[in-house]
Amino acid sequence: MKSLRINNQYIMSRKIASGAFGFVMLGFDQKTGQQVAIKIEKPENEHLRSLEKEADIIRRLEGVQGVPQMLYFGKQDDFNVLVLQLLSKDLSSLIKKQKKFSLKTVLQIGIKLVEILEDIHQKGVLHRDLKPENIMIDENNRFYIIDYGISKAFMRKNGAHLPFKDRQPFIGTSRYASIAAHKGNELGRKDDLESLIYILLYFYIGNLPWQNMKNIPGDQKVLQVGELKQKQTIELFKNLPDELKKIYEYLRKLTYATEPDYKSIVKLFQQAAKNGKIVIDSFYDWDIQNTAQTEMFSRYGTIQLDDNFLIDQYLSNQQINVKQHHINPNKRKTFCPSLIKQTFNENIIQMVKDSSRQSNGSSSGMGNIEDMYQLSKDEISEDSQQIIPEEGQQDLSLRVKTLPDYLKKPKIKQRQTQTLVFDDDWVIDSGTHLVDNYKKLQSLSNQMTAVFHHKQK
């Protein structure tokens, strides 16, 4: 692709995911100032019409809460391009960090996704590839189901249900696909919900008996995974509430065209929470983890590296963002650049530099398309989808220690303490006499550095 500008509005930045269809780029909307996701289809896959079908499905689902907003679809330099609302995180990355989810989180995920699937199905659409990578949340913990490249409309315009077919090719992701998909049957609404149950089991247990099967040809793997699901799934509910087992057994009894009772399924999730004395409050394990991390500060500050932070600026002792938590108003807390640990891992430094160069437009972020993606042209299942972590990980931190007691000034008559606020990232407690002496952030940093070096001598 020659141009980095889509529809003369969206600017591409860097790659954030790839799959059999093509790849996803992080983009920027020049008109609104918002970040967006830009999906680009491989030219050799254009005959599959994956992005075109996805655009048609999303248009049909317009207005459904839980489906990302489509901003643009068209061609750019002979590539099919789809621009979508950018979402924060997918559940695949969250479960990899935490290994397992609590029962409370699992039940709440189940309730939210059943409600979204009900709305999608009422629009006459089947997703057909539900998996953790395709379930995302925004900054407010609102859930979304993404990637409708192999989705299908099961209702005709007159409202008639499409007829049942067998001997169909396997479609979806084998780890979470329904048993009907393994048998080669046409998929229905019940199959999306059955896939959801396998996802919830994976979240709670941490693994499934049929995952990581290696050195088995694709067709045989599909058959063997299907057999294991039939034999072993019920055993996986041993340590789970009976209500989840009832939901699974109910779904397995439904026929292809039967409409599931979504409301009763949600009530069973709610009953399981009530019996376990669990409060459904939309508070999840990842919220608890984030809260705990922000509270694990005593007398240590944190330097946050953002995408626009240059290592060269850091090494030359330019302004750095410091956040101090749980400040004691009775003590003066100071930060000295000379106390910053200089032992960076070279790989981390390189990642931050690369991120900075990309954000400044010095690199297209794309490279050679054929070199970057070598996935099979005939692959329909997205089993091999790679989720590429954000460059720099956005959570890198360095520890900055406060001045030790013996380097502090001699005790003097205490004056009423007050807080100097230079910007949102700087909070420094000081005595009144410091207000007069340290007006500017740069002079404050330089003078404290000089004091520290003098004491060292």
Protein backbone atom coordinates (compact mmCIF):
# COMPACT_ATOMS: atom_id res chain seq x y z
CA MET A 1 0.00 0.00 0.00
CA LYS A 2 1.50 3.28 -1.12
CA SER A 3 -0.58 5.73 0.86
CA LEU A 4 -0.72 6.09 4.63
CA ARG A 5 -3.92 8.14 4.38
CA ILE A 6 -7.30 6.42 4.04
CA ASN A 7 -10.15 8.32 2.36
CA ASN A 8 -8.13 11.51 2.88
CA GLN A 9 -9.15 11.37 6.56
CA TYR A 10 -7.60 8.46 8.47
CA ILE A 11 -3.83 8.27 9.04
CA MET A 12 -2.26 4.85 9.64
CA SER A 13 0.25 4.46 12.47
CA ARG A 14 1.32 0.91 13.35
CA LYS A 15 0.20 -2.71 13.21
CA ILE A 16 -1.80 -3.99 16.18
CA ALA A 17 -3.09 -7.40 14.99
CA SER A 18 -3.00 -9.82 12.06
CA GLY A 19 -4.89 -12.87 10.86
CA ALA A 20 -5.78 -14.95 7.83
CA PHE A 21 -7.82 -12.11 6.31
CA GLY A 22 -5.04 -9.49 6.48
CA PHE A 23 -4.06 -7.13 9.27
CA VAL A 24 -5.26 -4.34 11.55
CA MET A 25 -3.54 -0.97 11.86
CA LEU A 26 -3.88 1.67 14.53
CA GLY A 27 -5.11 4.86 12.89
CA PHE A 28 -5.98 8.48 13.60
CA ASP A 29 -9.06 10.41 12.45
CA GLN A 30 -7.92 13.88 11.38
CA LYS A 31 -11.43 15.33 11.64
CA THR A 32 -12.36 14.14 15.13
CA GLY A 33 -8.91 13.62 16.67
CA GLN A 34 -9.90 10.09 17.74
CA GLN A 35 -7.91 6.88 17.29
CA VAL A 36 -9.47 4.20 15.06
CA ALA A 37 -8.87 0.60 13.97
CA ILE A 38 -8.15 0.10 10.25
CA LYS A 39 -8.62 -3.40 8.83
CA ILE A 40 -6.84 -4.08 5.54
CA GLU A 41 -7.53 -7.17 3.45
CA LYS A 42 -4.77 -9.08 1.68
CA PRO A 43 -5.11 -8.77 -2.11
CA GLU A 44 -4.89 -12.56 -2.53
CA ASN A 45 -7.91 -12.96 -0.22
CA GLU A 46 -10.07 -10.43 -2.03
CA HIS A 47 -12.02 -13.23 -3.77
CA LEU A 48 -13.29 -14.32 -0.32
CA ARG A 49 -14.91 -10.88 0.10
CA SER A 50 -14.23 -11.08 3.83
CA LEU A 51 -14.16 -7.34 4.53
CA GLU A 52 -17.05 -6.66 2.18
CA LYS A 53 -19.17 -9.26 3.97
CA GLU A 54 -18.15 -7.86 7.35
CA ALA A 55 -19.14 -4.36 6.27
CA ASP A 56 -22.55 -5.66 5.12
CA ILE A 57 -23.08 -7.46 8.45
CA ILE A 58 -22.11 -4.43 10.53
CA ARG A 59 -24.50 -2.25 8.51
CA ARG A 60 -27.24 -4.76 9.29
CA LEU A 61 -26.32 -4.64 13.00
CA GLU A 62 -26.29 -0.86 13.16
CA GLY A 63 -27.64 0.36 16.49
CA VAL A 64 -26.86 -2.83 18.41
CA GLN A 65 -25.02 -2.04 21.64
CA GLY A 66 -22.00 -4.31 21.66
CA VAL A 67 -21.15 -4.05 17.95
CA PRO A 68 -18.33 -1.62 17.04
CA GLN A 69 -19.28 1.37 14.93
CA MET A 70 -18.23 1.29 11.27
CA LEU A 71 -16.70 4.60 10.16
CA TYR A 72 -15.70 3.84 6.57
CA PHE A 73 -15.49 1.04 4.02
CA GLY A 74 -13.89 1.29 0.58
CA LYS A 75 -10.76 0.77 -1.51
CA GLN A 76 -7.35 2.37 -1.07
CA ASP A 77 -4.52 1.53 -3.49
CA ASP A 78 -6.39 -1.64 -4.58
CA PHE A 79 -6.77 -2.80 -0.98
CA ASN A 80 -10.16 -3.26 0.68
CA VAL A 81 -10.18 -1.14 3.84
CA LEU A 82 -12.59 -1.09 6.79
CA VAL A 83 -12.32 1.63 9.46
CA LEU A 84 -13.91 0.85 12.83
CA GLN A 85 -14.29 2.26 16.30
CA LEU A 86 -11.15 1.49 18.33
CA LEU A 87 -11.68 -0.50 21.53
CA SER A 88 -9.40 -0.83 24.55
CA LYS A 89 -8.60 -4.49 25.24
CA ASP A 90 -9.65 -7.98 24.23
CA LEU A 91 -10.37 -10.72 26.77
CA SER A 92 -7.60 -12.89 25.33
CA SER A 93 -4.91 -10.46 26.51
CA LEU A 94 -6.60 -10.08 29.91
CA ILE A 95 -6.85 -13.83 30.58
CA LYS A 96 -3.20 -14.32 29.56
CA LYS A 97 -2.17 -11.85 32.25
CA GLN A 98 -4.36 -13.29 35.00
CA LYS A 99 -4.40 -17.00 33.95
CA LYS A 100 -7.91 -17.47 35.41
CA PHE A 101 -10.97 -15.37 36.16
CA SER A 102 -13.04 -15.52 39.33
CA LEU A 103 -16.54 -16.96 39.30
CA LYS A 104 -17.96 -13.46 39.71
CA THR A 105 -16.18 -12.20 36.59
CA VAL A 106 -17.16 -15.32 34.61
CA LEU A 107 -20.85 -14.94 35.51
CA GLN A 108 -20.87 -11.24 34.67
CA ILE A 109 -19.19 -11.88 31.31
CA GLY A 110 -21.78 -14.57 30.59
CA ILE A 111 -24.69 -12.22 31.32
CA LYS A 112 -23.31 -9.38 29.18
CA LEU A 113 -22.51 -11.57 26.18
CA VAL A 114 -25.84 -13.42 26.19
CA GLU A 115 -27.59 -10.04 26.06
CA ILE A 116 -25.41 -8.90 23.14
CA LEU A 117 -25.88 -12.18 21.25
CA GLU A 118 -29.64 -11.91 21.70
CA ASP A 119 -29.63 -8.49 20.01
CA ILE A 120 -27.36 -9.74 17.21
CA HIS A 121 -29.56 -12.79 16.61
CA GLN A 122 -32.70 -10.64 16.55
CA LYS A 123 -31.16 -8.83 13.60
CA GLY A 124 -30.95 -12.20 11.83
CA VAL A 125 -27.15 -12.61 12.14
CA LEU A 126 -24.96 -15.44 13.45
CA HIS A 127 -21.40 -14.63 14.55
CA ARG A 128 -19.99 -18.18 14.07
CA ASP A 129 -16.50 -17.48 15.48
CA LEU A 130 -16.89 -16.42 19.08
CA LYS A 131 -13.59 -16.54 21.01
CA PRO A 132 -11.73 -14.40 23.60
CA GLU A 133 -9.85 -12.50 20.87
CA ASN A 134 -13.18 -11.36 19.42
CA ILE A 135 -14.59 -10.11 22.73
CA MET A 136 -13.47 -6.61 23.67
CA ILE A 137 -14.13 -3.97 26.30
CA ASP A 138 -13.87 -0.19 26.21
CA GLU A 139 -12.59 2.09 28.94
CA ASN A 140 -15.97 1.86 30.71
CA ASN A 141 -16.09 -1.97 30.73
CA ARG A 142 -18.76 -2.07 28.03
CA PHE A 143 -18.50 -5.34 26.11
CA TYR A 144 -18.27 -5.66 22.33
CA ILE A 145 -18.20 -8.61 19.94
CA ILE A 146 -15.98 -7.93 16.93
CA ASP A 147 -14.83 -9.60 13.68
CA TYR A 148 -17.80 -10.49 11.50
CA GLY A 149 -15.75 -11.74 8.54
CA ILE A 150 -17.25 -15.26 8.65
CA SER A 151 -20.61 -14.25 10.13
CA LYS A 152 -23.80 -15.06 8.28
CA ALA A 153 -27.37 -13.88 7.99
CA PHE A 154 -29.66 -16.81 8.84
CA MET A 155 -32.93 -15.02 8.08
CA ARG A 156 -34.24 -14.16 4.65
CA LYS A 157 -35.73 -10.72 4.00
CA ASN A 158 -39.23 -12.20 4.37
CA GLY A 159 -38.34 -13.46 7.87
CA ALA A 160 -38.02 -17.12 6.87
CA HIS A 161 -35.24 -19.17 8.50
CA LEU A 162 -32.64 -20.63 6.16
CA PRO A 163 -33.00 -24.42 5.77
CA PHE A 164 -30.77 -26.86 7.63
CA LYS A 165 -27.77 -28.36 5.81
CA ASP A 166 -25.25 -31.00 6.74
CA ARG A 167 -21.83 -31.97 5.37
CA GLN A 168 -20.69 -28.36 5.69
CA PRO A 169 -16.99 -27.45 5.94
CA PHE A 170 -15.77 -26.69 9.44
CA ILE A 171 -15.83 -23.00 10.21
CA GLY A 172 -14.74 -21.15 13.33
CA THR A 173 -12.06 -21.83 15.95
CA SER A 174 -11.79 -25.47 17.02
CA ARG A 175 -11.14 -24.71 20.70
CA TYR A 176 -14.50 -22.93 21.12
CA ALA A 177 -16.61 -24.18 18.19
CA SER A 178 -19.85 -26.00 18.93
CA ILE A 179 -20.16 -29.77 18.54
CA ALA A 180 -22.44 -29.19 15.54
CA ALA A 181 -19.58 -27.35 13.80
CA HIS A 182 -17.30 -30.38 14.32
CA LYS A 183 -19.99 -32.64 12.83
CA GLY A 184 -20.28 -30.48 9.72
CA ASN A 185 -23.80 -29.23 10.45
CA GLU A 186 -25.17 -25.82 9.56
CA LEU A 187 -24.75 -23.49 12.54
CA GLY A 188 -27.64 -21.80 14.32
CA ARG A 189 -28.23 -19.42 17.22
CA LYS A 190 -27.65 -22.15 19.80
CA ASP A 191 -24.12 -22.67 18.46
CA ASP A 192 -23.02 -19.11 19.25
CA LEU A 193 -24.22 -19.66 22.83
CA GLU A 194 -22.52 -23.05 23.07
CA SER A 195 -19.23 -21.41 22.04
CA LEU A 196 -19.79 -18.87 24.82
CA ILE A 197 -20.02 -21.69 27.39
CA TYR A 198 -16.65 -23.12 26.27
CA ILE A 199 -15.14 -19.64 26.58
CA LEU A 200 -16.49 -19.27 30.13
CA LEU A 201 -15.10 -22.70 31.08
CA TYR A 202 -11.72 -21.65 29.72
CA PHE A 203 -11.83 -18.41 31.72
CA TYR A 204 -12.67 -20.17 34.98
CA ILE A 205 -10.49 -23.29 34.70
CA GLY A 206 -7.57 -21.72 32.84
CA ASN A 207 -7.39 -24.41 30.14
CA LEU A 208 -9.50 -26.92 28.23
CA PRO A 209 -8.71 -30.65 27.72
CA TRP A 210 -8.71 -30.35 23.94
CA GLN A 211 -6.41 -27.35 23.54
CA ASN A 212 -2.76 -27.51 22.47
CA MET A 213 -3.15 -30.70 20.45
CA LYS A 214 0.04 -30.84 18.37
CA ASN A 215 1.33 -32.82 15.40
CA ILE A 216 -2.19 -33.66 14.24
CA PRO A 217 -3.40 -32.80 10.71
CA GLY A 218 -6.13 -30.16 10.55
CA ASP A 219 -9.03 -32.45 9.59
CA GLN A 220 -8.15 -35.05 12.21
CA LYS A 221 -7.75 -32.37 14.85
CA VAL A 222 -11.24 -31.05 14.17
CA LEU A 223 -12.67 -34.56 14.58
CA GLN A 224 -10.70 -35.38 17.73
CA VAL A 225 -11.54 -32.07 19.43
CA GLY A 226 -15.21 -32.66 18.67
CA GLU A 227 -15.05 -36.14 20.22
CA LEU A 228 -13.35 -34.81 23.36
CA LYS A 229 -16.01 -32.16 23.76
CA GLN A 230 -18.75 -34.78 23.64
CA LYS A 231 -16.98 -37.02 26.18
CA GLN A 232 -15.42 -34.58 28.65
CA THR A 233 -17.37 -31.33 28.72
CA ILE A 234 -19.84 -32.34 31.45
CA GLU A 235 -16.94 -33.25 33.76
CA LEU A 236 -15.65 -29.67 33.52
CA PHE A 237 -18.70 -28.38 35.44
CA LYS A 238 -17.80 -30.27 38.64
CA ASN A 239 -16.59 -27.21 40.54
CA LEU A 240 -19.02 -24.80 38.95
CA PRO A 241 -22.58 -23.86 39.95
CA ASP A 242 -25.25 -26.30 38.77
CA GLU A 243 -26.92 -23.46 36.85
CA LEU A 244 -24.06 -23.36 34.31
CA LYS A 245 -24.37 -27.07 33.69
CA LYS A 246 -28.14 -26.63 33.18
CA ILE A 247 -27.50 -23.92 30.59
CA TYR A 248 -25.11 -26.15 28.66
CA GLU A 249 -27.44 -29.17 28.73
CA TYR A 250 -30.33 -26.96 27.61
CA LEU A 251 -28.34 -25.64 24.62
CA ARG A 252 -27.27 -29.15 23.59
CA LYS A 253 -30.94 -30.17 23.31
CA LEU A 254 -31.92 -27.31 21.00
CA THR A 255 -32.39 -27.92 17.29
CA TYR A 256 -30.89 -25.88 14.48
CA ALA A 257 -33.83 -23.49 13.98
CA THR A 258 -35.01 -23.23 17.61
CA GLU A 259 -34.76 -19.78 19.17
CA PRO A 260 -32.96 -20.01 22.52
CA ASP A 261 -34.63 -18.63 25.65
CA TYR A 262 -32.10 -15.86 26.30
CA LYS A 263 -33.97 -14.40 29.29
CA SER A 264 -34.00 -17.74 31.11
CA ILE A 265 -30.29 -18.22 30.44
CA VAL A 266 -29.55 -14.81 31.97
CA LYS A 267 -31.73 -15.68 34.99
CA LEU A 268 -29.72 -18.87 35.52
CA PHE A 269 -26.49 -16.87 35.54
CA GLN A 270 -28.07 -14.47 38.04
CA GLN A 271 -29.30 -17.35 40.19
CA ALA A 272 -25.81 -18.85 40.26
CA ALA A 273 -24.50 -15.50 41.50
CA LYS A 274 -27.22 -15.25 44.15
CA ASN A 275 -26.54 -18.75 45.45
CA GLY A 276 -22.84 -17.95 45.66
CA LYS A 277 -23.57 -14.63 47.43
CA ILE A 278 -21.99 -12.77 44.51
CA VAL A 279 -23.00 -9.19 43.81
CA ILE A 280 -23.46 -8.37 40.11
CA ASP A 281 -21.97 -4.88 39.99
CA SER A 282 -19.97 -4.78 36.71
CA PHE A 283 -16.70 -4.85 38.66
CA TYR A 284 -14.23 -7.35 37.19
CA ASP A 285 -10.95 -9.04 38.09
CA TRP A 286 -8.94 -6.67 35.89
CA ASP A 287 -10.44 -3.70 37.79
CA ILE A 288 -9.28 -5.20 41.09
CA GLN A 289 -5.79 -5.79 39.68
CA ASN A 290 -5.50 -2.22 38.41
CA THR A 291 -6.66 -0.82 41.77
CA ALA A 292 -4.16 -2.96 43.66
CA GLN A 293 -1.32 -1.82 41.45
CA THR A 294 -2.03 1.87 42.07
CA GLU A 295 -2.02 1.30 45.84
CA MET A 296 1.35 -0.51 46.00
CA PHE A 297 3.38 2.62 46.58
CA SER A 298 5.03 3.61 49.88
CA ARG A 299 7.85 6.08 49.46
CA TYR A 300 8.47 5.20 45.83
CA GLY A 301 7.21 7.19 42.86
CA THR A 302 6.60 5.92 39.34
CA ILE A 303 7.83 7.30 36.05
CA GLN A 304 5.36 6.52 33.27
CA LEU A 305 6.74 6.26 29.73
CA ASP A 306 4.24 7.34 27.08
CA ASP A 307 4.37 7.01 23.31
CA ASN A 308 5.76 10.51 22.82
CA PHE A 309 8.55 10.17 25.41
CA LEU A 310 12.01 10.20 23.87
CA ILE A 311 14.87 8.30 25.47
CA ASP A 312 17.25 11.08 24.45
CA GLN A 313 15.20 13.55 26.49
CA TYR A 314 15.25 11.19 29.43
CA LEU A 315 19.00 10.70 29.36
CA SER A 316 19.58 14.46 29.24
CA ASN A 317 17.54 14.95 32.42
CA GLN A 318 14.69 16.78 30.69
CA GLN A 319 11.23 16.96 32.22
CA ILE A 320 9.81 13.60 33.27
CA ASN A 321 6.34 12.71 34.46
CA VAL A 322 6.23 11.72 38.11
CA LYS A 323 3.24 10.45 40.01
CA GLN A 324 3.39 10.17 43.79
CA HIS A 325 0.67 8.20 45.57
CA HIS A 326 -0.44 8.38 49.21
CA ILE A 327 1.57 11.51 50.03
CA ASN A 328 2.00 12.12 53.77
CA PRO A 329 1.12 15.81 54.35
CA ASN A 330 3.47 15.96 57.34
CA LYS A 331 6.58 15.07 55.37
CA ARG A 332 8.27 16.78 52.47
CA LYS A 333 8.63 14.47 49.46
CA THR A 334 11.20 15.37 46.82
CA PHE A 335 12.34 13.71 43.61
CA CYS A 336 15.86 13.89 42.24
CA PRO A 337 16.75 12.94 38.65
CA SER A 338 20.17 11.72 39.81
CA LEU A 339 18.45 8.98 41.80
CA ILE A 340 16.78 7.50 38.72
CA LYS A 341 18.02 4.03 37.87
CA GLN A 342 19.84 4.18 34.57
CA THR A 343 19.94 0.41 33.96
CA PHE A 344 17.36 0.05 31.20
CA ASN A 345 16.99 -3.16 29.29
CA GLU A 346 18.22 -2.44 25.74
CA ASN A 347 15.15 -4.04 24.22
CA ILE A 348 12.82 -1.76 26.18
CA ILE A 349 14.80 1.31 25.11
CA GLN A 350 14.58 0.20 21.49
CA MET A 351 10.81 -0.34 21.74
CA VAL A 352 10.26 3.13 23.13
CA LYS A 353 12.48 4.68 20.45
CA ASP A 354 10.60 2.80 17.73
CA SER A 355 7.28 3.90 19.17
CA SER A 356 8.47 7.52 19.26
CA ARG A 357 9.69 7.44 15.66
CA GLN A 358 6.39 5.96 14.50
CA SER A 359 4.33 8.53 16.35
CA ASN A 360 6.44 11.31 14.74
CA GLY A 361 5.73 9.94 11.28
CA SER A 362 9.27 8.84 10.52
CA SER A 363 8.12 5.30 9.78
CA SER A 364 5.07 4.04 7.96
CA GLY A 365 4.61 1.20 10.44
CA MET A 366 3.73 -1.16 7.62
CA GLY A 367 6.82 -2.42 5.82
CA ASN A 368 6.48 -5.01 3.10
CA ILE A 369 3.08 -6.70 3.28
CA GLU A 370 4.29 -10.00 1.85
CA ASP A 371 7.19 -10.13 4.30
CA MET A 372 4.99 -9.43 7.30
CA TYR A 373 2.30 -12.00 6.63
CA GLN A 374 2.88 -15.57 5.48
CA LEU A 375 -0.42 -17.17 6.53
CA SER A 376 -2.18 -19.69 4.32
CA LYS A 377 -4.33 -18.24 1.56
CA ASP A 378 -6.87 -21.04 1.95
CA GLU A 379 -7.28 -20.76 5.71
CA ILE A 380 -10.84 -19.96 6.77
CA SER A 381 -10.54 -20.66 10.50
CA GLU A 382 -8.79 -17.92 12.48
CA ASP A 383 -7.17 -20.38 14.88
CA SER A 384 -3.79 -18.92 14.02
CA GLN A 385 -4.69 -15.31 14.67
CA GLN A 386 -1.89 -13.41 16.36
CA ILE A 387 -2.56 -10.63 18.78
CA ILE A 388 0.41 -8.31 18.78
CA PRO A 389 1.00 -6.49 22.08
CA GLU A 390 1.13 -2.74 22.06
CA GLU A 391 4.65 -1.44 21.56
CA GLY A 392 6.17 -0.37 24.85
CA GLN A 393 3.28 -2.15 26.64
CA GLN A 394 2.16 1.24 28.07
CA ASP A 395 2.84 0.03 31.58
CA LEU A 396 6.63 0.19 31.79
CA SER A 397 7.78 1.88 34.97
CA LEU A 398 10.93 2.90 36.78
CA ARG A 399 11.19 3.26 40.54
CA VAL A 400 12.39 6.58 41.95
CA LYS A 401 13.37 6.64 45.61
CA THR A 402 12.95 9.70 47.81
CA LEU A 403 15.91 11.34 49.48
CA PRO A 404 17.11 9.42 52.57
CA ASP A 405 16.61 11.05 55.94
CA TYR A 406 20.28 11.92 56.49
CA LEU A 407 20.29 14.03 53.31
CA LYS A 408 17.30 16.10 54.28
CA LYS A 409 17.67 19.59 55.71
CA PRO A 410 17.97 19.97 59.51
CA LYS A 411 14.71 20.18 61.32
CA ILE A 412 13.37 23.69 61.62
CA LYS A 413 10.21 25.14 62.94
CA GLN A 414 7.43 23.50 61.01
CA ARG A 415 5.23 25.72 58.94
CA GLN A 416 1.85 24.86 57.59
CA THR A 417 2.35 22.50 54.66
CA GLN A 418 0.79 23.11 51.32
CA THR A 419 0.81 21.53 47.87
CA LEU A 420 2.37 22.88 44.70
CA VAL A 421 0.63 21.65 41.56
CA PHE A 422 2.58 22.24 38.35
CA ASP A 423 0.41 20.01 36.14
CA ASP A 424 -1.72 16.87 36.36
CA ASP A 425 1.31 14.60 36.72
CA TRP A 426 3.25 16.58 39.34
CA VAL A 427 2.25 16.76 43.01
CA ILE A 428 4.90 17.88 45.50
CA ASP A 429 4.46 18.52 49.25
CA SER A 430 6.65 21.24 50.66
CA GLY A 431 6.98 23.85 53.38
CA THR A 432 5.95 27.43 52.69
CA HIS A 433 9.56 28.49 52.26
CA LEU A 434 9.86 26.24 49.21
CA VAL A 435 7.06 28.06 47.48
CA ASP A 436 9.22 31.16 47.24
CA ASN A 437 12.40 29.36 46.23
CA TYR A 438 11.11 26.87 43.66
CA LYS A 439 8.67 28.48 41.28
CA LYS A 440 9.51 26.57 38.15
CA LEU A 441 9.67 22.82 37.63
CA GLN A 442 13.08 22.83 35.90
CA SER A 443 14.80 24.93 38.54
CA LEU A 444 13.33 22.70 41.26
CA SER A 445 14.81 19.59 39.65
CA ASN A 446 18.23 21.20 39.05
CA GLN A 447 18.59 22.63 42.56
CA MET A 448 17.61 19.37 44.26
CA THR A 449 20.15 17.55 42.07
CA ALA A 450 22.88 19.99 43.13
CA VAL A 451 21.99 19.51 46.83
CA PHE A 452 22.17 15.76 46.49
CA HIS A 453 25.56 15.82 44.72
CA HIS A 454 26.95 18.19 47.39
CA LYS A 455 25.85 15.84 50.16
CA GLN A 456 27.39 12.89 48.35
CA LYS A 457 30.77 14.64 48.26
